[in-house]
Amino acid sequence: MGFADKFAIALAQHASGATRGGAAWHHAIRWADVIDVLIVAVLLYVAFSWFRTRASRSLGVVLLLLGGVFSLARSLDLYLTMMAFQYGAIALVLALVVVFQQDIRHGFERLTSFALWDRPAGRSRTQEVVDVILEAVAHMSRERTGALIVFPGKEPLDRHLRGGVTVDAEISLPLLLSIFHSASPGHDGAILVEGRRIRSLGLHLPLTRNVERLGLGGTRHAAALGLADCCDALVLVVSEERGTVSLAQHGSLDAVDPETLAERLGGFCECGGEPQTARNPAQRRLRSLGTQLAALAVAMLLWFGFAYHTDTVQRTFVVPIEYRNLAEGWQIEEPNPTHAEVTISGSETAFSLLDASGIAVSLEFDSPPQKRIYSWATEPNLTGVESELQIERVSPASVTVAIDQEPPPAQAPATP
């Protein structure tokens, strides 16, 4: 039965309330299945959010292609392809880790920096810092003074930065102009701005490998784009040759005018490094909601395709018969049944959750015994069967035993 058939049957059962194997729809889907879908949806949302970044799209495309080939091979019973996946799975995973190690590390850094709510800085204090930086950038652009300024996002930067001198000084116009003055020893490096302070200067950034995206940019632009490829930082570049101002973020380098620079820099600093996917916060929330709905839809499709089974199967188990609470000094006379055969029906998913070793027919005596002959129906006393499964038959249907007091122990003959 194909995926489309399973999905159609599930919808038909849901609409008509039809039963399957004696169990209603609400028994076919358990709360555990709902939790299962939600967990997968959260994982898919994290993956989709990660793959939206340019640095991780190549890995996403490779995984999507591999998943498509695997699904095709499974649906068409392609023996050689399935065997290749089966025996080459470990080598394939290792190859993906080696080839895409930077993307994978970047993804884990994004995951550890994830926050449920934003922690924006104070608007007035942020605007003061932005105004000082904008004034300094305008001055350096007019004077053709090269500059490289890094504004960290939510992901850690330590492993991407080399060298530098820690200064921890409050931002001011004279300080910025003096740092990037051509006579300053650290003017060729970058400065790291956190909040209202310059944490370090003279920093060396990783150079980009995608030189085709640089255009007319030089080494500063290559360094800015290289850091933007590795993390979610915003990097501001002032060209020494042309006096143009550019911003590097999320793997892209764009020349900006003063108005755009003020807008993007102010929005980035105000949101505490949150990616500026849209100027309107409502648009960002709408985009996030779209990703969440897509993740939930894919999780539900995966569950219907791989976890939900409409086929009903029957299986027979040999289970022990347990006698409980028999008072001391009493014994069960022969014949004494010790095992029973139980036939159960249900879906493959329900059987996968069944612990066959926990199934037993549990029979209990009165204490103290009220009679010599006891008889029980076996099915009502069957334990260890999941509620999603249907008991079809128990053999024997009943158990009857007789009990008697144990004979007293034989006494040794008296010694004359």
Protein backbone atom coordinates (compact mmCIF):
# COMPACT_ATOMS: atom_id res chain seq x y z
CA MET A 1 0.00 0.00 0.00
CA GLY A 2 1.43 3.33 -1.09
CA PHE A 3 1.64 6.56 0.83
CA ALA A 4 -1.29 8.13 -1.04
CA ASP A 5 -3.48 5.11 -0.23
CA LYS A 6 -2.58 5.30 3.46
CA PHE A 7 -3.33 8.99 3.59
CA ALA A 8 -6.69 8.53 1.83
CA ILE A 9 -7.71 5.70 4.15
CA ALA A 10 -6.76 7.75 7.21
CA LEU A 11 -8.85 10.70 6.02
CA ALA A 12 -11.80 8.43 5.25
CA GLN A 13 -11.60 6.86 8.69
CA HIS A 14 -11.44 10.25 10.32
CA ALA A 15 -14.48 11.53 8.38
CA SER A 16 -16.70 8.50 8.87
CA GLY A 17 -15.59 7.41 12.33
CA ALA A 18 -15.15 3.88 10.98
CA THR A 19 -13.56 1.27 13.21
CA ARG A 20 -10.61 -0.93 12.40
CA GLY A 21 -10.13 -4.25 14.12
CA GLY A 22 -12.66 -3.29 16.81
CA ALA A 23 -10.80 -0.06 17.71
CA ALA A 24 -12.16 3.43 16.93
CA TRP A 25 -10.21 6.25 15.33
CA HIS A 26 -9.32 7.81 18.67
CA HIS A 27 -7.73 4.48 19.62
CA ALA A 28 -5.80 4.34 16.32
CA ILE A 29 -4.06 7.64 17.05
CA ARG A 30 -2.65 7.88 20.57
CA TRP A 31 -1.46 10.85 22.56
CA ALA A 32 2.02 9.43 22.17
CA ASP A 33 1.65 9.78 18.39
CA VAL A 34 0.68 13.44 18.78
CA ILE A 35 3.74 14.06 20.95
CA ASP A 36 5.84 12.15 18.40
CA VAL A 37 4.65 14.42 15.57
CA LEU A 38 5.25 17.58 17.64
CA ILE A 39 8.83 16.56 18.51
CA VAL A 40 9.63 15.85 14.86
CA ALA A 41 7.99 19.16 13.88
CA VAL A 42 10.25 21.06 16.30
CA LEU A 43 13.34 19.32 14.90
CA LEU A 44 12.21 20.08 11.34
CA TYR A 45 11.60 23.73 12.27
CA VAL A 46 15.17 24.00 13.57
CA ALA A 47 16.46 22.33 10.40
CA PHE A 48 14.39 24.57 8.10
CA SER A 49 15.54 27.68 9.95
CA TRP A 50 19.13 26.51 9.60
CA PHE A 51 18.81 25.71 5.88
CA ARG A 52 17.46 29.20 5.19
CA THR A 53 20.98 30.52 5.71
CA ARG A 54 23.10 30.56 2.58
CA ALA A 55 26.02 28.76 4.22
CA SER A 56 23.86 25.68 4.84
CA ARG A 57 21.84 25.45 1.65
CA SER A 58 24.36 23.17 -0.05
CA LEU A 59 24.04 20.65 2.78
CA GLY A 60 20.24 20.92 2.60
CA VAL A 61 20.23 20.24 -1.12
CA VAL A 62 22.46 17.17 -0.68
CA LEU A 63 20.28 15.75 2.10
CA LEU A 64 17.12 16.43 0.09
CA LEU A 65 18.53 14.61 -2.94
CA LEU A 66 19.63 11.65 -0.84
CA GLY A 67 16.22 11.48 0.82
CA GLY A 68 14.51 11.55 -2.58
CA VAL A 69 16.71 8.75 -3.94
CA PHE A 70 16.10 6.65 -0.81
CA SER A 71 12.31 7.13 -1.00
CA LEU A 72 12.32 6.24 -4.71
CA ALA A 73 14.41 3.14 -4.10
CA ARG A 74 12.13 2.03 -1.27
CA SER A 75 8.90 2.57 -3.19
CA LEU A 76 10.16 0.83 -6.36
CA ASP A 77 12.07 -1.94 -4.52
CA LEU A 78 15.40 -1.04 -6.13
CA TYR A 79 17.53 -3.79 -4.64
CA LEU A 80 21.02 -2.51 -5.51
CA THR A 81 20.25 1.07 -4.47
CA MET A 82 18.80 -0.05 -1.13
CA MET A 83 21.80 -2.30 -0.55
CA ALA A 84 24.11 0.65 -1.29
CA PHE A 85 22.26 2.76 1.29
CA GLN A 86 22.32 -0.10 3.80
CA TYR A 87 26.03 -0.86 3.58
CA GLY A 88 27.23 2.65 2.79
CA ALA A 89 25.23 4.52 5.42
CA ILE A 90 28.12 4.90 7.87
CA ALA A 91 30.58 5.94 5.16
CA LEU A 92 28.01 8.40 3.77
CA VAL A 93 27.46 10.00 7.18
CA LEU A 94 31.21 10.32 7.73
CA ALA A 95 31.66 11.85 4.28
CA LEU A 96 28.90 14.40 4.93
CA VAL A 97 30.47 15.31 8.29
CA VAL A 98 33.89 15.84 6.68
CA VAL A 99 32.65 17.78 3.67
CA PHE A 100 30.11 19.93 5.51
CA GLN A 101 31.81 20.22 8.89
CA GLN A 102 31.71 24.03 8.79
CA ASP A 103 27.98 24.03 8.00
CA ILE A 104 27.25 21.48 10.71
CA ARG A 105 29.25 23.45 13.28
CA HIS A 106 27.49 26.61 12.19
CA GLY A 107 24.14 24.91 12.64
CA PHE A 108 24.93 23.81 16.19
CA GLU A 109 26.10 27.31 17.03
CA ARG A 110 22.79 28.68 15.77
CA LEU A 111 20.95 26.10 17.86
CA THR A 112 22.81 26.93 21.07
CA SER A 113 22.24 30.64 20.50
CA PHE A 114 18.49 30.19 20.02
CA ALA A 115 16.30 32.18 22.41
CA LEU A 116 12.55 32.08 22.95
CA TRP A 117 12.32 35.85 23.20
CA ASP A 118 14.40 38.80 22.21
CA ARG A 119 16.40 40.84 24.68
CA PRO A 120 16.61 44.22 22.95
CA ALA A 121 18.86 46.89 24.31
CA GLY A 122 17.47 50.20 25.47
CA ARG A 123 16.28 52.14 22.44
CA SER A 124 17.70 55.52 23.46
CA ARG A 125 21.14 54.19 24.37
CA THR A 126 21.25 52.09 21.19
CA GLN A 127 20.40 55.10 19.07
CA GLU A 128 23.22 57.09 20.66
CA VAL A 129 25.75 54.44 19.67
CA VAL A 130 24.32 54.17 16.15
CA ASP A 131 24.48 57.97 15.71
CA VAL A 132 28.13 58.05 16.73
CA ILE A 133 29.01 55.21 14.34
CA LEU A 134 27.07 56.80 11.48
CA GLU A 135 28.86 60.11 12.00
CA ALA A 136 32.26 58.37 12.07
CA VAL A 137 31.45 56.33 8.94
CA ALA A 138 30.31 59.44 7.06
CA HIS A 139 33.54 61.21 7.98
CA MET A 140 35.73 58.22 6.95
CA SER A 141 33.78 57.84 3.69
CA ARG A 142 34.48 61.47 2.76
CA GLU A 143 38.16 61.21 3.71
CA ARG A 144 38.65 57.80 2.00
CA THR A 145 39.63 56.17 5.29
CA GLY A 146 39.28 52.39 5.30
CA ALA A 147 37.38 50.82 8.20
CA LEU A 148 36.09 47.41 9.29
CA ILE A 149 33.57 47.21 12.16
CA VAL A 150 32.04 43.97 13.47
CA PHE A 151 28.70 43.85 15.29
CA PRO A 152 28.17 40.36 16.78
CA GLY A 153 24.83 38.58 16.49
CA LYS A 154 23.71 35.71 18.68
CA GLU A 155 26.31 33.19 17.55
CA PRO A 156 29.78 33.04 19.16
CA LEU A 157 32.64 34.72 17.29
CA ASP A 158 35.72 33.61 19.22
CA ARG A 159 36.78 30.82 16.88
CA HIS A 160 36.53 33.11 13.83
CA LEU A 161 38.64 36.00 15.17
CA ARG A 162 42.44 36.08 15.27
CA GLY A 163 44.86 38.45 16.95
CA GLY A 164 43.64 41.81 18.15
CA VAL A 165 44.08 43.87 21.30
CA THR A 166 41.49 44.12 24.06
CA VAL A 167 40.59 47.74 24.80
CA ASP A 168 37.08 47.68 26.34
CA ALA A 169 36.53 51.39 25.70
CA GLU A 170 33.31 53.33 25.32
CA ILE A 171 32.48 54.29 21.75
CA SER A 172 33.15 57.88 20.77
CA LEU A 173 33.76 59.72 17.52
CA PRO A 174 37.41 60.70 18.29
CA LEU A 175 38.22 57.12 19.32
CA LEU A 176 36.80 55.62 16.11
CA LEU A 177 38.61 58.13 13.90
CA SER A 178 41.91 57.59 15.72
CA ILE A 179 41.69 53.78 15.48
CA PHE A 180 41.24 53.81 11.70
CA HIS A 181 43.66 56.67 11.02
CA SER A 182 46.34 55.57 8.58
CA ALA A 183 49.05 56.26 11.17
CA SER A 184 47.42 53.97 13.75
CA PRO A 185 49.08 50.52 14.10
CA GLY A 186 45.74 48.68 14.08
CA HIS A 187 43.98 50.56 11.29
CA ASP A 188 44.13 47.60 8.89
CA GLY A 189 42.31 45.29 11.34
CA ALA A 190 38.70 45.16 12.47
CA ILE A 191 37.14 46.38 15.69
CA LEU A 192 34.52 44.44 17.67
CA VAL A 193 31.60 46.52 19.00
CA GLU A 194 29.43 45.09 21.77
CA GLY A 195 26.74 47.33 23.16
CA ARG A 196 28.21 50.76 23.82
CA ARG A 197 31.81 49.60 23.95
CA ILE A 198 34.66 48.66 21.64
CA ARG A 199 35.88 45.34 23.00
CA SER A 200 38.86 44.71 20.69
CA LEU A 201 40.74 46.30 17.81
CA GLY A 202 43.24 45.06 15.20
CA LEU A 203 41.29 41.83 14.70
CA HIS A 204 41.89 39.54 11.70
CA LEU A 205 38.82 38.01 10.08
CA PRO A 206 38.60 34.91 7.86
CA LEU A 207 38.69 35.67 4.14
CA THR A 208 35.83 34.49 1.96
CA ARG A 209 36.29 31.71 -0.54
CA ASN A 210 33.54 33.07 -2.80
CA VAL A 211 35.59 35.75 -4.50
CA GLU A 212 33.02 36.16 -7.29
CA ARG A 213 30.72 37.90 -4.80
CA LEU A 214 33.30 40.58 -3.96
CA GLY A 215 32.88 42.57 -7.12
CA LEU A 216 35.28 45.55 -6.88
CA GLY A 217 35.93 44.97 -3.17
CA GLY A 218 39.39 44.45 -1.72
CA THR A 219 40.83 42.68 1.29
CA ARG A 220 38.56 44.41 3.80
CA HIS A 221 35.51 43.34 1.83
CA ALA A 222 36.84 39.77 1.58
CA ALA A 223 37.29 39.70 5.36
CA ALA A 224 33.80 41.11 5.99
CA LEU A 225 32.17 38.60 3.65
CA GLY A 226 34.27 35.77 5.10
CA LEU A 227 32.94 36.43 8.61
CA ALA A 228 29.39 36.83 7.29
CA ASP A 229 29.72 33.37 5.73
CA CYS A 230 30.59 31.84 9.12
CA CYS A 231 28.09 33.43 11.52
CA ASP A 232 25.23 35.88 11.92
CA ALA A 233 27.38 38.94 12.64
CA LEU A 234 26.88 42.23 10.79
CA VAL A 235 30.11 43.68 9.35
CA LEU A 236 30.44 47.29 8.17
CA VAL A 237 33.12 48.14 5.58
CA VAL A 238 34.37 51.52 4.40
CA SER A 239 36.41 51.32 1.19
CA GLU A 240 39.73 53.13 1.28
CA GLU A 241 39.91 53.42 -2.51
CA ARG A 242 36.35 54.51 -3.35
CA GLY A 243 34.89 55.68 -0.04
CA THR A 244 31.84 53.47 -0.47
CA VAL A 245 30.12 51.87 2.53
CA SER A 246 29.03 48.22 2.48
CA LEU A 247 27.35 45.79 4.86
CA ALA A 248 28.09 42.06 4.98
CA GLN A 249 25.51 39.77 6.56
CA HIS A 250 24.29 36.20 6.04
CA GLY A 251 26.75 35.53 3.23
CA SER A 252 25.94 38.63 1.19
CA LEU A 253 27.81 41.91 0.66
CA ASP A 254 25.77 45.00 -0.28
CA ALA A 255 26.77 48.59 -0.90
CA VAL A 256 24.43 50.89 1.08
CA ASP A 257 23.55 54.54 1.11
CA PRO A 258 23.42 56.57 4.38
CA GLU A 259 19.68 56.05 4.82
CA THR A 260 19.84 52.27 4.34
CA LEU A 261 22.89 52.07 6.58
CA ALA A 262 21.08 53.89 9.40
CA GLU A 263 18.02 51.67 9.01
CA ARG A 264 19.84 48.33 8.97
CA LEU A 265 22.39 49.20 11.61
CA GLY A 266 19.76 50.65 13.93
CA GLY A 267 17.47 47.65 13.50
CA PHE A 268 20.29 45.16 14.06
CA CYS A 269 21.55 46.83 17.24
CA GLU A 270 18.07 47.45 18.61
CA CYS A 271 17.09 43.79 18.24
CA GLY A 272 20.27 42.56 19.92
CA GLY A 273 21.63 40.84 16.82
CA GLU A 274 18.40 39.27 15.65
CA PRO A 275 18.59 38.65 11.88
CA GLN A 276 16.80 41.44 10.05
CA THR A 277 14.71 39.40 7.66
CA ALA A 278 12.20 42.23 7.35
CA ARG A 279 11.82 45.76 8.59
CA ASN A 280 8.35 45.08 10.00
CA PRO A 281 8.38 42.69 13.02
CA ALA A 282 4.99 41.38 11.90
CA GLN A 283 6.58 40.19 8.65
CA ARG A 284 9.31 38.39 10.58
CA ARG A 285 6.69 36.69 12.76
CA LEU A 286 4.70 35.75 9.67
CA ARG A 287 7.77 34.19 8.07
CA SER A 288 8.49 32.25 11.27
CA LEU A 289 4.87 31.09 11.40
CA GLY A 290 5.13 29.88 7.80
CA THR A 291 8.23 27.85 8.68
CA GLN A 292 6.47 26.38 11.72
CA LEU A 293 3.42 25.36 9.68
CA ALA A 294 5.65 23.82 7.00
CA ALA A 295 7.54 21.83 9.65
CA LEU A 296 4.27 20.60 11.19
CA ALA A 297 2.89 19.61 7.77
CA VAL A 298 6.04 17.67 6.83
CA ALA A 299 6.06 15.94 10.24
CA MET A 300 2.44 14.84 9.77
CA LEU A 301 3.16 13.57 6.24
CA LEU A 302 6.16 11.61 7.52
CA TRP A 303 4.03 10.09 10.28
CA PHE A 304 1.29 9.06 7.88
CA GLY A 305 3.88 7.72 5.46
CA PHE A 306 6.11 5.74 7.82
CA ALA A 307 4.52 5.36 11.26
CA TYR A 308 0.78 5.02 10.65
CA HIS A 309 -0.36 1.65 9.31
CA THR A 310 -3.93 0.77 8.41
CA ASP A 311 -3.22 -2.93 7.80
CA THR A 312 -4.42 -5.24 10.59
CA VAL A 313 -2.33 -8.29 11.38
CA GLN A 314 -2.80 -11.21 13.78
CA ARG A 315 -0.16 -12.84 15.91
CA THR A 316 -0.27 -15.73 18.37
CA PHE A 317 1.79 -15.85 21.57
CA VAL A 318 2.36 -18.63 24.10
CA VAL A 319 2.10 -16.97 27.52
CA PRO A 320 2.50 -18.29 31.08
CA ILE A 321 -0.41 -18.89 33.46
CA GLU A 322 0.42 -17.44 36.86
CA TYR A 323 -1.30 -18.48 40.11
CA ARG A 324 -1.22 -15.85 42.82
CA ASN A 325 -2.09 -15.52 46.48
CA LEU A 326 -2.30 -19.25 47.24
CA ALA A 327 -2.18 -19.56 51.02
CA GLU A 328 0.74 -21.29 52.70
CA GLY A 329 0.12 -24.96 53.33
CA TRP A 330 -2.00 -25.41 50.19
CA GLN A 331 -1.04 -26.86 46.81
CA ILE A 332 -2.55 -27.15 43.33
CA GLU A 333 -3.45 -30.68 42.30
CA GLU A 334 -2.77 -32.04 38.84
CA PRO A 335 -3.66 -31.32 36.05
CA ASN A 336 -2.11 -27.89 36.45
CA PRO A 337 -2.19 -25.77 33.21
CA THR A 338 0.96 -23.64 32.92
CA HIS A 339 0.64 -21.97 29.50
CA ALA A 340 -2.01 -20.50 27.23
CA GLU A 341 -2.14 -19.45 23.57
CA VAL A 342 -3.24 -15.87 22.92
CA THR A 343 -4.17 -14.53 19.45
CA ILE A 344 -3.99 -10.72 19.15
CA SER A 345 -4.81 -8.41 16.23
CA GLY A 346 -3.77 -4.82 15.55
CA SER A 347 -1.50 -2.59 13.53
CA GLU A 348 2.24 -3.04 13.06
CA THR A 349 2.81 0.18 15.02
CA ALA A 350 0.91 -1.16 18.04
CA PHE A 351 2.77 -4.48 17.87
CA SER A 352 6.10 -2.65 17.76
CA LEU A 353 5.28 -1.19 21.18
CA LEU A 354 4.19 -4.51 22.67
CA ASP A 355 6.44 -6.29 25.17
CA ALA A 356 5.57 -9.92 24.61
CA SER A 357 7.46 -11.04 27.72
CA GLY A 358 5.04 -9.04 29.88
CA ILE A 359 1.89 -10.88 28.69
CA ALA A 360 0.50 -13.43 31.15
CA VAL A 361 -2.75 -14.95 32.43
CA SER A 362 -2.84 -13.94 36.09
CA LEU A 363 -5.18 -16.02 38.30
CA GLU A 364 -5.72 -15.19 41.97
CA PHE A 365 -6.95 -17.38 44.83
CA ASP A 366 -8.89 -16.35 47.90
CA SER A 367 -6.86 -15.98 51.05
CA PRO A 368 -7.64 -18.04 53.03
CA PRO A 369 -9.16 -20.47 50.49
CA GLN A 370 -12.97 -20.47 50.49
CA LYS A 371 -13.38 -23.57 48.31
CA ARG A 372 -11.49 -26.53 46.93
CA ILE A 373 -12.18 -26.03 43.20
CA TYR A 374 -11.50 -22.71 41.42
CA SER A 375 -12.43 -21.77 37.87
CA TRP A 376 -11.53 -18.59 35.93
CA ALA A 377 -12.15 -17.26 32.44
CA THR A 378 -8.71 -16.58 30.94
CA GLU A 379 -9.38 -13.54 28.73
CA PRO A 380 -10.52 -11.16 31.53
CA ASN A 381 -7.41 -12.13 33.49
CA LEU A 382 -4.98 -11.51 30.63
CA THR A 383 -2.43 -8.77 31.45
CA GLY A 384 0.26 -6.92 29.51
CA VAL A 385 -1.71 -6.29 26.27
CA GLU A 386 -1.70 -2.71 24.93
CA SER A 387 -5.10 -1.02 24.70
CA GLU A 388 -4.53 -0.43 20.95
CA LEU A 389 -4.51 -4.21 20.37
CA GLN A 390 -7.55 -6.48 20.15
CA ILE A 391 -7.64 -9.91 21.85
CA GLU A 392 -9.12 -12.35 19.35
CA ARG A 393 -8.85 -15.68 21.17
CA VAL A 394 -7.38 -17.24 24.30
CA SER A 395 -6.88 -21.01 24.50
CA PRO A 396 -7.90 -22.47 26.88
CA ALA A 397 -10.89 -20.16 27.35
CA SER A 398 -11.06 -21.14 31.04
CA VAL A 399 -8.87 -22.76 33.66
CA THR A 400 -10.17 -25.04 36.44
CA VAL A 401 -7.92 -26.35 39.20
CA ALA A 402 -8.39 -28.12 42.51
CA ILE A 403 -6.40 -27.32 45.62
CA ASP A 404 -5.68 -29.40 48.69
CA GLN A 405 -3.71 -29.01 51.84
CA GLU A 406 -0.12 -30.16 51.70
CA PRO A 407 0.53 -33.40 53.60
CA PRO A 408 2.44 -32.92 56.86
CA PRO A 409 6.14 -33.68 56.65
CA ALA A 410 7.11 -37.25 57.51
CA GLN A 411 8.50 -37.60 61.04
CA ALA A 412 11.68 -39.53 61.66
CA PRO A 413 11.18 -42.72 63.77
CA ALA A 414 12.02 -42.33 67.42
CA THR A 415 15.41 -43.66 68.50
CA PRO A 416 15.10 -46.40 71.20
